C-alpha atoms as a PDB file:
ATOM      1  CA  MET A   1     184.627 259.826  37.404  1.00  0.00           C
ATOM      2  CA  GLU A   2     187.924 259.168  37.769  1.00  0.00           C
ATOM      3  CA  GLN A   3     188.538 261.382  40.237  1.00  0.00           C
ATOM      4  CA  VAL A   4     186.496 259.806  42.643  1.00  0.00           C
ATOM      5  CA  ALA A   5     187.532 256.888  41.475  1.00  0.00           C
ATOM      6  CA  ARG A   6     191.461 257.998  42.463  1.00  0.00           C
ATOM      7  CA  HIS A   7     189.826 259.297  45.890  1.00  0.00           C
ATOM      8  CA  LYS A   8     188.334 256.030  46.760  1.00  0.00           C
ATOM      9  CA  MET A   9     192.115 254.612  46.299  1.00  0.00           C
ATOM     10  CA  GLY A  10     193.600 257.314  48.432  1.00  0.00           C
ATOM     11  CA  LEU A  11     195.177 258.634  45.631  1.00  0.00           C
ATOM     12  CA  GLU A  12     194.538 262.683  45.790  1.00  0.00           C
ATOM     13  CA  GLU A  13     195.894 265.234  43.642  1.00  0.00           C
ATOM     14  CA  LEU A  14     197.776 267.163  45.262  1.00  0.00           C
ATOM     15  CA  PRO A  15     198.236 270.179  43.396  1.00  0.00           C
ATOM     16  CA  ARG A  16     200.048 273.056  45.133  1.00  0.00           C
ATOM     17  CA  VAL A  17     202.165 270.194  45.872  1.00  0.00           C
ATOM     18  CA  GLN A  18     202.982 268.996  42.733  1.00  0.00           C
ATOM     19  CA  ALA A  19     203.482 273.240  42.225  1.00  0.00           C
ATOM     20  CA  ILE A  20     206.411 273.176  44.996  1.00  0.00           C
ATOM     21  CA  TRP A  21     208.187 270.061  42.863  1.00  0.00           C
ATOM     22  CA  GLU A  22     208.162 271.594  39.992  1.00  0.00           C
ATOM     23  CA  HIS A  23     208.960 274.593  40.949  1.00  0.00           C
ATOM     24  CA  PRO A  24     211.942 275.628  39.013  1.00  0.00           C
ATOM     25  CA  VAL A  25     214.047 277.146  42.872  1.00  0.00           C
ATOM     26  CA  PHE A  26     213.018 273.622  44.034  1.00  0.00           C
ATOM     27  CA  GLN A  27     214.624 271.728  41.492  1.00  0.00           C
ATOM     28  CA  HIS A  28     217.759 273.791  41.710  1.00  0.00           C
ATOM     29  CA  GLU A  29     218.624 272.924  44.827  1.00  0.00           C
ATOM     30  CA  TYR A  30     216.729 269.327  45.143  1.00  0.00           C
ATOM     31  CA  ARG A  31     219.063 268.053  42.121  1.00  0.00           C
ATOM     32  CA  ARG A  32     222.368 270.388  43.361  1.00  0.00           C
ATOM     33  CA  LEU A  33     221.736 267.863  46.599  1.00  0.00           C
ATOM     34  CA  GLU A  34     221.674 264.670  44.902  1.00  0.00           C
ATOM     35  CA  ARG A  35     224.668 265.851  43.411  1.00  0.00           C
ATOM     36  CA  LEU A  36     226.471 266.414  46.554  1.00  0.00           C
ATOM     37  CA  GLU A  37     224.898 263.145  48.368  1.00  0.00           C
ATOM     38  CA  ARG A  38     225.266 261.489  45.098  1.00  0.00           C
ATOM     39  CA  ASP A  39     228.359 259.295  46.789  1.00  0.00           C
ATOM     40  CA  ARG A  40     226.821 259.173  50.476  1.00  0.00           C
ATOM     41  CA  VAL A  41     226.104 256.194  52.393  1.00  0.00           C
ATOM     42  CA  PHE A  42     223.570 256.247  54.678  1.00  0.00           C
ATOM     43  CA  CYS A  43     220.604 259.479  54.668  1.00  0.00           C
ATOM     44  CA  ARG A  44     220.195 261.146  51.910  1.00  0.00           C
ATOM     45  CA  HIS A  45     218.001 263.342  51.721  1.00  0.00           C
ATOM     46  CA  GLY A  46     216.528 262.494  48.450  1.00  0.00           C
ATOM     47  CA  MET A  47     212.680 262.012  47.596  1.00  0.00           C
ATOM     48  CA  ARG A  48     212.150 258.756  50.186  1.00  0.00           C
ATOM     49  CA  HIS A  49     213.155 260.804  52.454  1.00  0.00           C
ATOM     50  CA  LEU A  50     211.140 263.529  52.082  1.00  0.00           C
ATOM     51  CA  LEU A  51     208.129 261.303  51.486  1.00  0.00           C
ATOM     52  CA  ASP A  52     208.386 259.057  54.464  1.00  0.00           C
ATOM     53  CA  THR A  53     208.903 262.592  56.480  1.00  0.00           C
ATOM     54  CA  ALA A  54     205.507 263.329  54.764  1.00  0.00           C
ATOM     55  CA  ARG A  55     203.551 260.404  55.624  1.00  0.00           C
ATOM     56  CA  ILE A  56     204.628 259.751  58.761  1.00  0.00           C
ATOM     57  CA  MET A  57     203.531 263.112  59.933  1.00  0.00           C
ATOM     58  CA  TRP A  58     200.546 262.926  57.953  1.00  0.00           C
ATOM     59  CA  ALA A  59     199.275 259.737  60.071  1.00  0.00           C
ATOM     60  CA  ARG A  60     200.657 261.737  63.180  1.00  0.00           C
ATOM     61  CA  ASN A  61     197.546 264.071  62.193  1.00  0.00           C
ATOM     62  CA  LEU A  62     195.377 261.553  61.868  1.00  0.00           C
ATOM     63  CA  GLU A  63     196.621 259.747  65.411  1.00  0.00           C
ATOM     64  CA  LEU A  64     196.511 262.748  67.135  1.00  0.00           C
ATOM     65  CA  GLY A  65     193.430 264.447  65.186  1.00  0.00           C
ATOM     66  CA  CYS A  66     194.743 267.786  65.499  1.00  0.00           C
ATOM     67  CA  GLY A  67     192.983 268.802  61.742  1.00  0.00           C
ATOM     68  CA  ILE A  68     196.401 270.426  59.699  1.00  0.00           C
ATOM     69  CA  ASP A  69     195.471 270.496  55.747  1.00  0.00           C
ATOM     70  CA  ARG A  70     196.858 267.317  53.698  1.00  0.00           C
ATOM     71  CA  GLU A  71     198.591 269.919  51.737  1.00  0.00           C
ATOM     72  CA  VAL A  72     200.343 271.753  54.137  1.00  0.00           C
ATOM     73  CA  VAL A  73     201.650 268.245  55.777  1.00  0.00           C
ATOM     74  CA  TYR A  74     203.467 267.137  52.380  1.00  0.00           C
ATOM     75  CA  ALA A  75     204.038 271.292  51.721  1.00  0.00           C
ATOM     76  CA  ALA A  76     206.008 271.815  55.355  1.00  0.00           C
ATOM     77  CA  ALA A  77     207.612 267.905  54.557  1.00  0.00           C
ATOM     78  CA  LEU A  78     208.984 267.914  50.534  1.00  0.00           C
ATOM     79  CA  LEU A  79     210.795 271.839  51.613  1.00  0.00           C
ATOM     80  CA  HIS A  80     212.313 270.902  54.697  1.00  0.00           C
ATOM     81  CA  ASP A  81     215.802 270.190  53.923  1.00  0.00           C
ATOM     82  CA  VAL A  82     215.372 272.420  50.036  1.00  0.00           C
ATOM     83  CA  GLY A  83     218.971 274.572  52.136  1.00  0.00           C
ATOM     84  CA  LYS A  84     220.739 270.861  52.947  1.00  0.00           C
ATOM     85  CA  ALA A  85     222.493 271.438  49.816  1.00  0.00           C
ATOM     86  CA  GLY A  86     223.752 276.046  50.607  1.00  0.00           C
ATOM     87  CA  GLN A  87     224.909 273.664  54.776  1.00  0.00           C
ATOM     88  CA  TYR A  88     227.749 271.964  52.552  1.00  0.00           C
ATOM     89  CA  GLU A  89     228.821 274.542  50.497  1.00  0.00           C
ATOM     90  CA  GLY A  90     228.109 277.619  52.035  1.00  0.00           C
ATOM     91  CA  GLY A  91     227.996 276.520  56.033  1.00  0.00           C
ATOM     92  CA  GLU A  92     224.577 278.103  56.846  1.00  0.00           C
ATOM     93  CA  PRO A  93     222.511 276.038  58.597  1.00  0.00           C
ATOM     94  CA  HIS A  94     219.621 273.771  56.264  1.00  0.00           C
ATOM     95  CA  GLU A  95     217.305 274.943  58.755  1.00  0.00           C
ATOM     96  CA  VAL A  96     217.344 278.946  57.384  1.00  0.00           C
ATOM     97  CA  GLY A  97     218.427 278.738  54.451  1.00  0.00           C
ATOM     98  CA  GLY A  98     215.300 276.095  53.512  1.00  0.00           C
ATOM     99  CA  ALA A  99     213.748 278.310  54.891  1.00  0.00           C
ATOM    100  CA  ARG A 100     213.950 281.491  52.375  1.00  0.00           C
ATOM    101  CA  ILE A 101     214.652 279.142  49.764  1.00  0.00           C
ATOM    102  CA  ALA A 102     211.092 277.446  51.048  1.00  0.00           C
ATOM    103  CA  ALA A 103     209.622 281.435  51.326  1.00  0.00           C
ATOM    104  CA  ARG A 104     210.675 281.838  47.751  1.00  0.00           C
ATOM    105  CA  VAL A 105     208.899 279.085  46.416  1.00  0.00           C
ATOM    106  CA  LEU A 106     205.599 280.035  48.235  1.00  0.00           C
ATOM    107  CA  ASP A 107     205.659 283.194  47.136  1.00  0.00           C
ATOM    108  CA  SER A 108     205.748 282.035  43.457  1.00  0.00           C
ATOM    109  CA  LEU A 109     203.185 280.098  44.224  1.00  0.00           C
ATOM    110  CA  PRO A 110     199.811 280.822  41.323  1.00  0.00           C
ATOM    111  CA  ASP A 111     197.734 282.413  43.129  1.00  0.00           C
ATOM    112  CA  ASP A 112     195.505 279.810  42.701  1.00  0.00           C
ATOM    113  CA  LEU A 113     197.573 277.415  44.619  1.00  0.00           C
ATOM    114  CA  ALA A 114     198.873 279.644  46.816  1.00  0.00           C
ATOM    115  CA  PHE A 115     198.850 279.296  50.091  1.00  0.00           C
ATOM    116  CA  ALA A 116     196.703 280.789  53.091  1.00  0.00           C
ATOM    117  CA  PRO A 117     198.826 282.710  55.060  1.00  0.00           C
ATOM    118  CA  ALA A 118     198.644 281.151  58.305  1.00  0.00           C
ATOM    119  CA  ASP A 119     199.707 277.806  56.460  1.00  0.00           C
ATOM    120  CA  ARG A 120     202.919 279.633  54.612  1.00  0.00           C
ATOM    121  CA  GLU A 121     204.106 280.641  58.041  1.00  0.00           C
ATOM    122  CA  ALA A 122     203.387 277.502  59.753  1.00  0.00           C
ATOM    123  CA  ILE A 123     205.110 275.645  56.727  1.00  0.00           C
ATOM    124  CA  LEU A 124     208.782 278.247  56.820  1.00  0.00           C
ATOM    125  CA  ALA A 125     207.868 278.294  60.918  1.00  0.00           C
ATOM    126  CA  ALA A 126     208.043 274.139  61.087  1.00  0.00           C
ATOM    127  CA  ILE A 127     211.138 274.567  58.063  1.00  0.00           C
ATOM    128  CA  ARG A 128     213.009 276.857  60.293  1.00  0.00           C
ATOM    129  CA  GLY A 129     212.720 274.651  63.958  1.00  0.00           C
ATOM    130  CA  HIS A 130     212.634 270.445  62.153  1.00  0.00           C
ATOM    131  CA  ARG A 131     216.733 270.381  63.620  1.00  0.00           C
ATOM    132  CA  ARG A 132     215.412 272.016  66.975  1.00  0.00           C
ATOM    133  CA  LEU A 133     212.095 271.232  69.621  1.00  0.00           C
ATOM    134  CA  ARG A 134     212.014 275.153  70.305  1.00  0.00           C
ATOM    135  CA  GLU A 135     209.491 275.943  73.430  1.00  0.00           C
ATOM    136  CA  GLY A 136     205.910 277.063  71.794  1.00  0.00           C
ATOM    137  CA  ALA A 137     206.350 275.107  68.399  1.00  0.00           C
ATOM    138  CA  GLY A 138     203.104 274.620  66.468  1.00  0.00           C
ATOM    139  CA  MET A 139     202.238 271.338  65.939  1.00  0.00           C
ATOM    140  CA  LEU A 140     203.412 271.172  62.497  1.00  0.00           C
ATOM    141  CA  GLU A 141     206.517 272.406  63.888  1.00  0.00           C
ATOM    142  CA  ARG A 142     205.839 269.616  66.464  1.00  0.00           C
ATOM    143  CA  LEU A 143     204.976 266.101  63.282  1.00  0.00           C
ATOM    144  CA  LEU A 144     208.098 267.766  61.081  1.00  0.00           C
ATOM    145  CA  PHE A 145     210.659 268.076  63.774  1.00  0.00           C
ATOM    146  CA  GLN A 146     209.618 263.637  65.087  1.00  0.00           C
ATOM    147  CA  ALA A 147     208.475 262.603  61.197  1.00  0.00           C
ATOM    148  CA  ASP A 148     212.000 263.821  60.431  1.00  0.00           C
ATOM    149  CA  LYS A 149     213.534 261.544  63.074  1.00  0.00           C
ATOM    150  CA  ALA A 150     211.826 258.622  62.575  1.00  0.00           C
ATOM    151  CA  SER A 151     212.381 258.729  59.400  1.00  0.00           C
ATOM    152  CA  ARG A 152     215.326 256.842  59.760  1.00  0.00           C
ATOM    153  CA  ALA A 153     215.795 253.681  59.855  1.00  0.00           C
ATOM    154  CA  CYS A 154     219.514 253.691  60.994  1.00  0.00           C
ATOM    155  CA  PHE A 155     218.701 250.106  62.646  1.00  0.00           C
ATOM    156  CA  ALA A 156     219.036 248.858  58.827  1.00  0.00           C
ATOM    157  CA  CYS A 157     221.455 251.306  58.027  1.00  0.00           C
ATOM    158  CA  PRO A 158     223.421 250.338  54.924  1.00  0.00           C
ATOM    159  CA  ALA A 159     226.166 252.075  55.362  1.00  0.00           C
ATOM    160  CA  VAL A 160     229.525 250.239  55.796  1.00  0.00           C
ATOM    161  CA  VAL A 161     230.869 252.242  58.378  1.00  0.00           C
ATOM    162  CA  ARG A 162     228.724 253.771  60.681  1.00  0.00           C
ATOM    163  CA  ASP A 163     231.197 255.365  63.010  1.00  0.00           C
ATOM    164  CA  ALA A 164     231.100 257.692  60.164  1.00  0.00           C
ATOM    165  CA  CYS A 165     227.582 259.176  61.318  1.00  0.00           C
ATOM    166  CA  SER A 166     226.884 262.554  62.200  1.00  0.00           C
ATOM    167  CA  TRP A 167     224.189 261.954  64.766  1.00  0.00           C
ATOM    168  CA  PRO A 168     225.042 260.880  68.265  1.00  0.00           C
ATOM    169  CA  ASP A 169     223.753 257.736  68.881  1.00  0.00           C
ATOM    170  CA  GLU A 170     220.994 258.843  71.375  1.00  0.00           C
ATOM    171  CA  LYS A 171     219.708 260.529  68.660  1.00  0.00           C
ATOM    172  CA  LYS A 172     219.451 257.140  66.536  1.00  0.00           C
ATOM    173  CA  ASN A 173     216.700 254.773  65.626  1.00  0.00           C
ATOM    174  CA  LEU A 174     218.404 252.017  66.565  1.00  0.00           C
ATOM    175  CA  ASP A 175     215.075 249.448  66.761  1.00  0.00           C
ATOM    176  CA  ILE A 176     211.790 249.859  65.128  1.00  0.00           C
ATOM    177  CA  ARG A 177     209.444 252.694  66.913  1.00  0.00           C
ATOM    178  CA  VAL A 178     206.187 254.394  65.869  1.00  0.00           C
END
């Protein structure tokens, strides 16, 4: 009864995504990144960014009729910046480290929460390709690439000094877009 009511309200549970969130490796990397970005005044990579990215991906998935499973979309979004702390501390591109860390997380989910091999590979490909869209990119990769950028409201950036942003002006979202 409660599950039906939650479904009607659009509050479906995402058990595989919840398992990713609760995974000790994910939590370690997420908390590490929080510490590293604590004093950053713009473009943090916390839960707001991850969920904004997921929601934009999900909306585009529905608009385009891609048919990608909701948990696959949310898993890719939740995991896409998991390598960011490693980039800050060691210089490894976060899409490379992130795919490696994401594979560890995905591969250690309990059997009843594991993603199908094709979904796992799509999630990892999306993480690897979310910074630079490659030719032949799959739909999940395209959705993540677009949503990651669209999730940034540069036009309303609270940073006191916008020049501190490392994004070139042509990459910044300087107006509201869909």
